[in-house]
Amino acid sequence: MTIIKEEDIYNGTVTFDKCDLRVNIVLKTYGDLKKFYYVNYRWQCNDDNIEHHPMDKDFIENSNDGDIIVQNELSDKLIEFLIMNDDDLQEKTGNAHVTEYRKQIIKTISLFWD
């Protein structure tokens, strides 16, 4: 299927305790007008030590470089919360720390790969 439009959504860094995560998100529209988020990750951990990676082994093996998910109301909110600044996200997380909440968002996105 041919991509007829690409829209840059986000390009920035998310900071974890011992890793920085470069996130690039592009929304691509195909010829059938279906839209997909291309969520790309580039992890930079202290000393390039995998033990500093904040995600679990399953994620590292399957989604470490990112995921492609269909664009819909749920994925819109996941993307919105993923790229939200820490202060705004902290107001929405309840008792969870912002980095733990963001890890769960990233893990959730990986469950919806298409």
N, C-alpha and C. Protein backbone atom coordinates (compact mmCIF):
# COMPACT_ATOMS: atom_id res chain seq x y z
N MET A 1 0.85 -1.17 0.00
CA MET A 1 0.00 0.00 0.00
C MET A 1 0.90 1.25 0.00
N THR A 2 0.51 2.23 -0.73
CA THR A 2 1.28 3.47 -0.88
C THR A 2 0.98 4.45 0.25
N ILE A 3 2.03 5.05 0.77
CA ILE A 3 1.88 6.11 1.78
C ILE A 3 1.62 7.40 1.02
N ILE A 4 0.52 8.09 1.37
CA ILE A 4 0.18 9.32 0.66
C ILE A 4 0.46 10.58 1.49
N LYS A 5 0.72 10.39 2.79
CA LYS A 5 1.00 11.56 3.63
C LYS A 5 1.80 11.11 4.86
N GLU A 6 2.75 11.96 5.26
CA GLU A 6 3.50 11.74 6.50
C GLU A 6 3.48 13.02 7.32
N GLU A 7 3.17 12.87 8.60
CA GLU A 7 3.11 14.03 9.49
C GLU A 7 4.00 13.77 10.70
N ASP A 8 5.00 14.62 10.90
CA ASP A 8 5.86 14.51 12.08
C ASP A 8 5.06 14.92 13.30
N ILE A 9 4.98 14.04 14.29
CA ILE A 9 4.21 14.28 15.50
C ILE A 9 5.13 14.72 16.65
N TYR A 10 6.28 14.07 16.78
CA TYR A 10 7.15 14.35 17.92
C TYR A 10 8.56 13.88 17.62
N ASN A 11 9.51 14.64 18.11
CA ASN A 11 10.91 14.25 18.07
C ASN A 11 11.55 14.84 19.32
N GLY A 12 11.85 14.01 20.29
CA GLY A 12 12.40 14.53 21.54
C GLY A 12 12.96 13.42 22.40
N THR A 13 13.33 13.79 23.62
CA THR A 13 13.98 12.87 24.54
C THR A 13 13.15 12.71 25.81
N VAL A 14 13.04 11.47 26.25
CA VAL A 14 12.42 11.13 27.52
C VAL A 14 13.53 10.60 28.41
N THR A 15 13.59 11.09 29.64
CA THR A 15 14.68 10.71 30.54
C THR A 15 14.20 9.71 31.58
N PHE A 16 14.95 8.63 31.70
CA PHE A 16 14.75 7.63 32.75
C PHE A 16 15.95 7.70 33.68
N ASP A 17 15.94 6.92 34.76
CA ASP A 17 17.00 7.01 35.76
C ASP A 17 18.39 6.83 35.17
N LYS A 18 18.58 5.80 34.37
CA LYS A 18 19.92 5.51 33.85
C LYS A 18 19.95 5.44 32.33
N CYS A 19 18.89 5.90 31.70
CA CYS A 19 18.80 5.88 30.23
C CYS A 19 18.08 7.12 29.74
N ASP A 20 18.44 7.55 28.56
CA ASP A 20 17.66 8.53 27.82
C ASP A 20 17.04 7.82 26.63
N LEU A 21 15.82 8.18 26.33
CA LEU A 21 15.11 7.58 25.21
C LEU A 21 14.78 8.67 24.20
N ARG A 22 15.35 8.53 23.00
CA ARG A 22 15.00 9.42 21.90
C ARG A 22 13.76 8.84 21.24
N VAL A 23 12.72 9.66 21.14
CA VAL A 23 11.45 9.22 20.57
C VAL A 23 11.17 10.04 19.31
N ASN A 24 10.85 9.34 18.25
CA ASN A 24 10.42 9.98 17.02
C ASN A 24 9.11 9.34 16.61
N ILE A 25 8.08 10.18 16.40
CA ILE A 25 6.76 9.66 16.04
C ILE A 25 6.30 10.33 14.76
N VAL A 26 5.91 9.51 13.80
CA VAL A 26 5.40 9.98 12.52
C VAL A 26 4.05 9.31 12.29
N LEU A 27 3.07 10.10 11.89
CA LEU A 27 1.76 9.58 11.52
C LEU A 27 1.71 9.45 10.01
N LYS A 28 1.54 8.22 9.52
CA LYS A 28 1.54 7.96 8.08
C LYS A 28 0.13 7.57 7.64
N THR A 29 -0.30 8.18 6.54
CA THR A 29 -1.60 7.88 5.94
C THR A 29 -1.38 7.09 4.67
N TYR A 30 -2.09 5.99 4.54
CA TYR A 30 -1.96 5.12 3.36
C TYR A 30 -3.06 5.42 2.34
N GLY A 31 -2.92 4.84 1.18
CA GLY A 31 -3.86 5.08 0.07
C GLY A 31 -5.29 4.74 0.41
N ASP A 32 -5.50 3.79 1.31
CA ASP A 32 -6.86 3.45 1.73
C ASP A 32 -7.36 4.36 2.85
N LEU A 33 -6.57 5.40 3.16
CA LEU A 33 -6.84 6.42 4.18
C LEU A 33 -6.70 5.92 5.62
N LYS A 34 -6.20 4.71 5.81
CA LYS A 34 -5.89 4.24 7.16
C LYS A 34 -4.61 4.92 7.61
N LYS A 35 -4.58 5.26 8.91
CA LYS A 35 -3.44 5.97 9.47
C LYS A 35 -2.77 5.12 10.54
N PHE A 36 -1.44 5.22 10.59
CA PHE A 36 -0.65 4.47 11.55
C PHE A 36 0.42 5.37 12.16
N TYR A 37 0.59 5.21 13.48
CA TYR A 37 1.70 5.87 14.15
C TYR A 37 2.94 4.99 14.01
N TYR A 38 4.01 5.57 13.54
CA TYR A 38 5.32 4.92 13.53
C TYR A 38 6.08 5.51 14.72
N VAL A 39 6.20 4.71 15.77
CA VAL A 39 6.84 5.15 17.01
C VAL A 39 8.23 4.52 17.03
N ASN A 40 9.26 5.36 16.92
CA ASN A 40 10.63 4.88 16.87
C ASN A 40 11.37 5.28 18.14
N TYR A 41 12.10 4.31 18.70
CA TYR A 41 12.87 4.52 19.92
C TYR A 41 14.36 4.35 19.65
N ARG A 42 15.14 5.15 20.34
CA ARG A 42 16.60 4.97 20.36
C ARG A 42 17.05 5.17 21.80
N TRP A 43 17.43 4.08 22.43
CA TRP A 43 17.81 4.09 23.84
C TRP A 43 19.29 4.38 23.98
N GLN A 44 19.63 5.22 24.95
CA GLN A 44 21.02 5.51 25.27
C GLN A 44 21.18 5.34 26.78
N CYS A 45 21.70 4.17 27.17
CA CYS A 45 21.85 3.85 28.58
C CYS A 45 23.26 4.15 29.05
N ASN A 46 23.39 4.45 30.34
CA ASN A 46 24.71 4.72 30.92
C ASN A 46 25.67 3.59 30.59
N ASP A 47 26.83 3.95 30.08
CA ASP A 47 27.90 2.99 29.77
C ASP A 47 27.45 1.91 28.78
N ASP A 48 26.36 2.17 28.04
CA ASP A 48 25.79 1.17 27.12
C ASP A 48 25.53 -0.17 27.80
N ASN A 49 25.21 -0.12 29.09
CA ASN A 49 24.98 -1.31 29.88
C ASN A 49 23.49 -1.67 29.83
N ILE A 50 23.18 -2.84 29.30
CA ILE A 50 21.79 -3.27 29.14
C ILE A 50 21.08 -3.40 30.49
N GLU A 51 21.85 -3.61 31.55
CA GLU A 51 21.24 -3.72 32.88
C GLU A 51 20.61 -2.40 33.33
N HIS A 52 20.99 -1.29 32.70
CA HIS A 52 20.42 0.01 33.04
C HIS A 52 19.12 0.29 32.28
N HIS A 53 18.79 -0.58 31.33
CA HIS A 53 17.58 -0.40 30.51
C HIS A 53 16.35 -0.52 31.41
N PRO A 54 15.41 0.42 31.31
CA PRO A 54 14.25 0.39 32.21
C PRO A 54 13.16 -0.62 31.85
N MET A 55 13.23 -1.20 30.65
CA MET A 55 12.16 -2.09 30.22
C MET A 55 12.58 -3.55 30.44
N ASP A 56 11.59 -4.46 30.39
CA ASP A 56 11.87 -5.87 30.63
C ASP A 56 12.43 -6.56 29.38
N LYS A 57 12.89 -7.79 29.57
CA LYS A 57 13.55 -8.54 28.51
C LYS A 57 12.64 -8.73 27.29
N ASP A 58 11.37 -9.04 27.52
CA ASP A 58 10.44 -9.24 26.42
C ASP A 58 10.34 -7.98 25.55
N PHE A 59 10.24 -6.83 26.20
CA PHE A 59 10.17 -5.58 25.45
C PHE A 59 11.46 -5.36 24.66
N ILE A 60 12.59 -5.56 25.31
CA ILE A 60 13.88 -5.34 24.66
C ILE A 60 14.01 -6.22 23.41
N GLU A 61 13.55 -7.45 23.51
CA GLU A 61 13.66 -8.38 22.38
C GLU A 61 12.68 -8.08 21.26
N ASN A 62 11.52 -7.50 21.58
CA ASN A 62 10.46 -7.37 20.58
C ASN A 62 10.12 -5.94 20.14
N SER A 63 10.34 -4.97 21.00
CA SER A 63 9.87 -3.61 20.70
C SER A 63 10.89 -2.52 20.99
N ASN A 64 12.12 -2.88 21.23
CA ASN A 64 13.13 -1.93 21.67
C ASN A 64 13.34 -0.77 20.69
N ASP A 65 13.16 -1.03 19.39
CA ASP A 65 13.36 0.01 18.38
C ASP A 65 12.09 0.77 18.07
N GLY A 66 10.95 0.31 18.62
CA GLY A 66 9.69 1.01 18.40
C GLY A 66 8.61 0.09 17.87
N ASP A 67 7.48 0.68 17.55
CA ASP A 67 6.33 -0.08 17.08
C ASP A 67 5.53 0.75 16.09
N ILE A 68 4.69 0.06 15.34
CA ILE A 68 3.72 0.69 14.45
C ILE A 68 2.35 0.33 14.99
N ILE A 69 1.54 1.35 15.26
CA ILE A 69 0.19 1.10 15.78
C ILE A 69 -0.83 1.90 14.98
N VAL A 70 -2.02 1.34 14.83
CA VAL A 70 -3.09 2.02 14.11
C VAL A 70 -3.47 3.30 14.85
N GLN A 71 -3.85 4.31 14.12
CA GLN A 71 -4.30 5.57 14.73
C GLN A 71 -5.79 5.46 15.01
N ASN A 72 -6.14 5.61 16.27
CA ASN A 72 -7.54 5.64 16.70
C ASN A 72 -7.61 6.44 18.00
N GLU A 73 -8.77 6.50 18.61
CA GLU A 73 -8.92 7.31 19.82
C GLU A 73 -8.02 6.85 20.95
N LEU A 74 -7.85 5.54 21.09
CA LEU A 74 -6.99 5.02 22.15
C LEU A 74 -5.52 5.33 21.88
N SER A 75 -5.07 5.05 20.66
CA SER A 75 -3.65 5.31 20.35
C SER A 75 -3.35 6.81 20.39
N ASP A 76 -4.33 7.65 20.03
CA ASP A 76 -4.13 9.10 20.15
C ASP A 76 -3.80 9.48 21.59
N LYS A 77 -4.53 8.92 22.54
CA LYS A 77 -4.30 9.24 23.96
C LYS A 77 -2.98 8.65 24.44
N LEU A 78 -2.65 7.45 24.01
CA LEU A 78 -1.36 6.86 24.40
C LEU A 78 -0.20 7.73 23.93
N ILE A 79 -0.28 8.18 22.69
CA ILE A 79 0.76 9.05 22.14
C ILE A 79 0.78 10.38 22.88
N GLU A 80 -0.38 10.95 23.12
CA GLU A 80 -0.47 12.22 23.84
C GLU A 80 0.21 12.12 25.21
N PHE A 81 -0.07 11.04 25.94
CA PHE A 81 0.50 10.88 27.27
C PHE A 81 1.99 10.53 27.20
N LEU A 82 2.39 9.78 26.20
CA LEU A 82 3.81 9.45 26.05
C LEU A 82 4.66 10.69 25.89
N ILE A 83 4.20 11.64 25.11
CA ILE A 83 5.03 12.81 24.79
C ILE A 83 4.75 14.01 25.70
N MET A 84 3.83 13.84 26.64
CA MET A 84 3.49 14.92 27.57
C MET A 84 4.70 15.25 28.46
N ASN A 85 4.88 16.53 28.80
CA ASN A 85 6.00 16.88 29.68
C ASN A 85 5.75 16.30 31.07
N ASP A 86 6.84 16.13 31.81
CA ASP A 86 6.78 15.44 33.11
C ASP A 86 5.80 16.10 34.09
N ASP A 87 5.80 17.41 34.17
CA ASP A 87 4.92 18.09 35.12
C ASP A 87 3.46 17.84 34.82
N ASP A 88 3.07 17.95 33.56
CA ASP A 88 1.68 17.71 33.18
C ASP A 88 1.31 16.24 33.37
N LEU A 89 2.22 15.34 33.02
CA LEU A 89 1.94 13.92 33.18
C LEU A 89 1.81 13.56 34.66
N GLN A 90 2.66 14.14 35.51
CA GLN A 90 2.60 13.84 36.94
C GLN A 90 1.23 14.17 37.53
N GLU A 91 0.58 15.20 37.00
CA GLU A 91 -0.75 15.56 37.48
C GLU A 91 -1.80 14.51 37.15
N LYS A 92 -1.50 13.63 36.20
CA LYS A 92 -2.48 12.65 35.73
C LYS A 92 -2.17 11.22 36.19
N THR A 93 -1.07 11.02 36.91
CA THR A 93 -0.61 9.67 37.20
C THR A 93 -1.07 9.10 38.52
N GLY A 94 -1.79 9.86 39.31
CA GLY A 94 -2.17 9.36 40.63
C GLY A 94 -0.93 9.24 41.51
N ASN A 95 -0.74 8.07 42.12
CA ASN A 95 0.40 7.87 43.02
C ASN A 95 1.64 7.36 42.31
N ALA A 96 1.54 7.02 41.06
CA ALA A 96 2.69 6.49 40.31
C ALA A 96 3.65 7.62 39.96
N HIS A 97 4.94 7.31 40.01
CA HIS A 97 5.94 8.28 39.57
C HIS A 97 5.88 8.38 38.06
N VAL A 98 6.17 9.55 37.54
CA VAL A 98 6.02 9.82 36.11
C VAL A 98 6.84 8.85 35.25
N THR A 99 8.04 8.48 35.67
CA THR A 99 8.84 7.56 34.85
C THR A 99 8.23 6.16 34.81
N GLU A 100 7.67 5.72 35.93
CA GLU A 100 7.02 4.40 35.95
C GLU A 100 5.76 4.42 35.09
N TYR A 101 5.02 5.50 35.16
CA TYR A 101 3.80 5.64 34.36
C TYR A 101 4.14 5.63 32.88
N ARG A 102 5.19 6.35 32.50
CA ARG A 102 5.60 6.42 31.10
C ARG A 102 6.09 5.05 30.62
N LYS A 103 6.79 4.31 31.48
CA LYS A 103 7.19 2.94 31.11
C LYS A 103 5.98 2.09 30.77
N GLN A 104 4.91 2.24 31.54
CA GLN A 104 3.70 1.47 31.29
C GLN A 104 3.01 1.90 29.99
N ILE A 105 3.09 3.18 29.67
CA ILE A 105 2.55 3.66 28.39
C ILE A 105 3.33 3.03 27.24
N ILE A 106 4.65 3.03 27.34
CA ILE A 106 5.50 2.44 26.30
C ILE A 106 5.19 0.95 26.15
N LYS A 107 5.06 0.25 27.27
CA LYS A 107 4.73 -1.18 27.24
C LYS A 107 3.35 -1.39 26.60
N THR A 108 2.39 -0.54 26.94
CA THR A 108 1.04 -0.66 26.36
C THR A 108 1.06 -0.46 24.86
N ILE A 109 1.79 0.54 24.41
CA ILE A 109 1.92 0.76 22.96
C ILE A 109 2.45 -0.50 22.29
N SER A 110 3.41 -1.16 22.92
CA SER A 110 3.99 -2.37 22.31
C SER A 110 2.97 -3.49 22.18
N LEU A 111 1.94 -3.49 23.00
CA LEU A 111 0.91 -4.53 22.95
C LEU A 111 -0.05 -4.35 21.79
N PHE A 112 -0.06 -3.14 21.21
CA PHE A 112 -0.99 -2.84 20.11
C PHE A 112 -0.29 -2.78 18.75
N TRP A 113 0.93 -3.33 18.63
CA TRP A 113 1.64 -3.26 17.35
C TRP A 113 0.79 -3.85 16.25
N ASP A 114 0.98 -3.29 15.08
CA ASP A 114 0.14 -3.72 13.94
C ASP A 114 1.02 -4.13 12.77
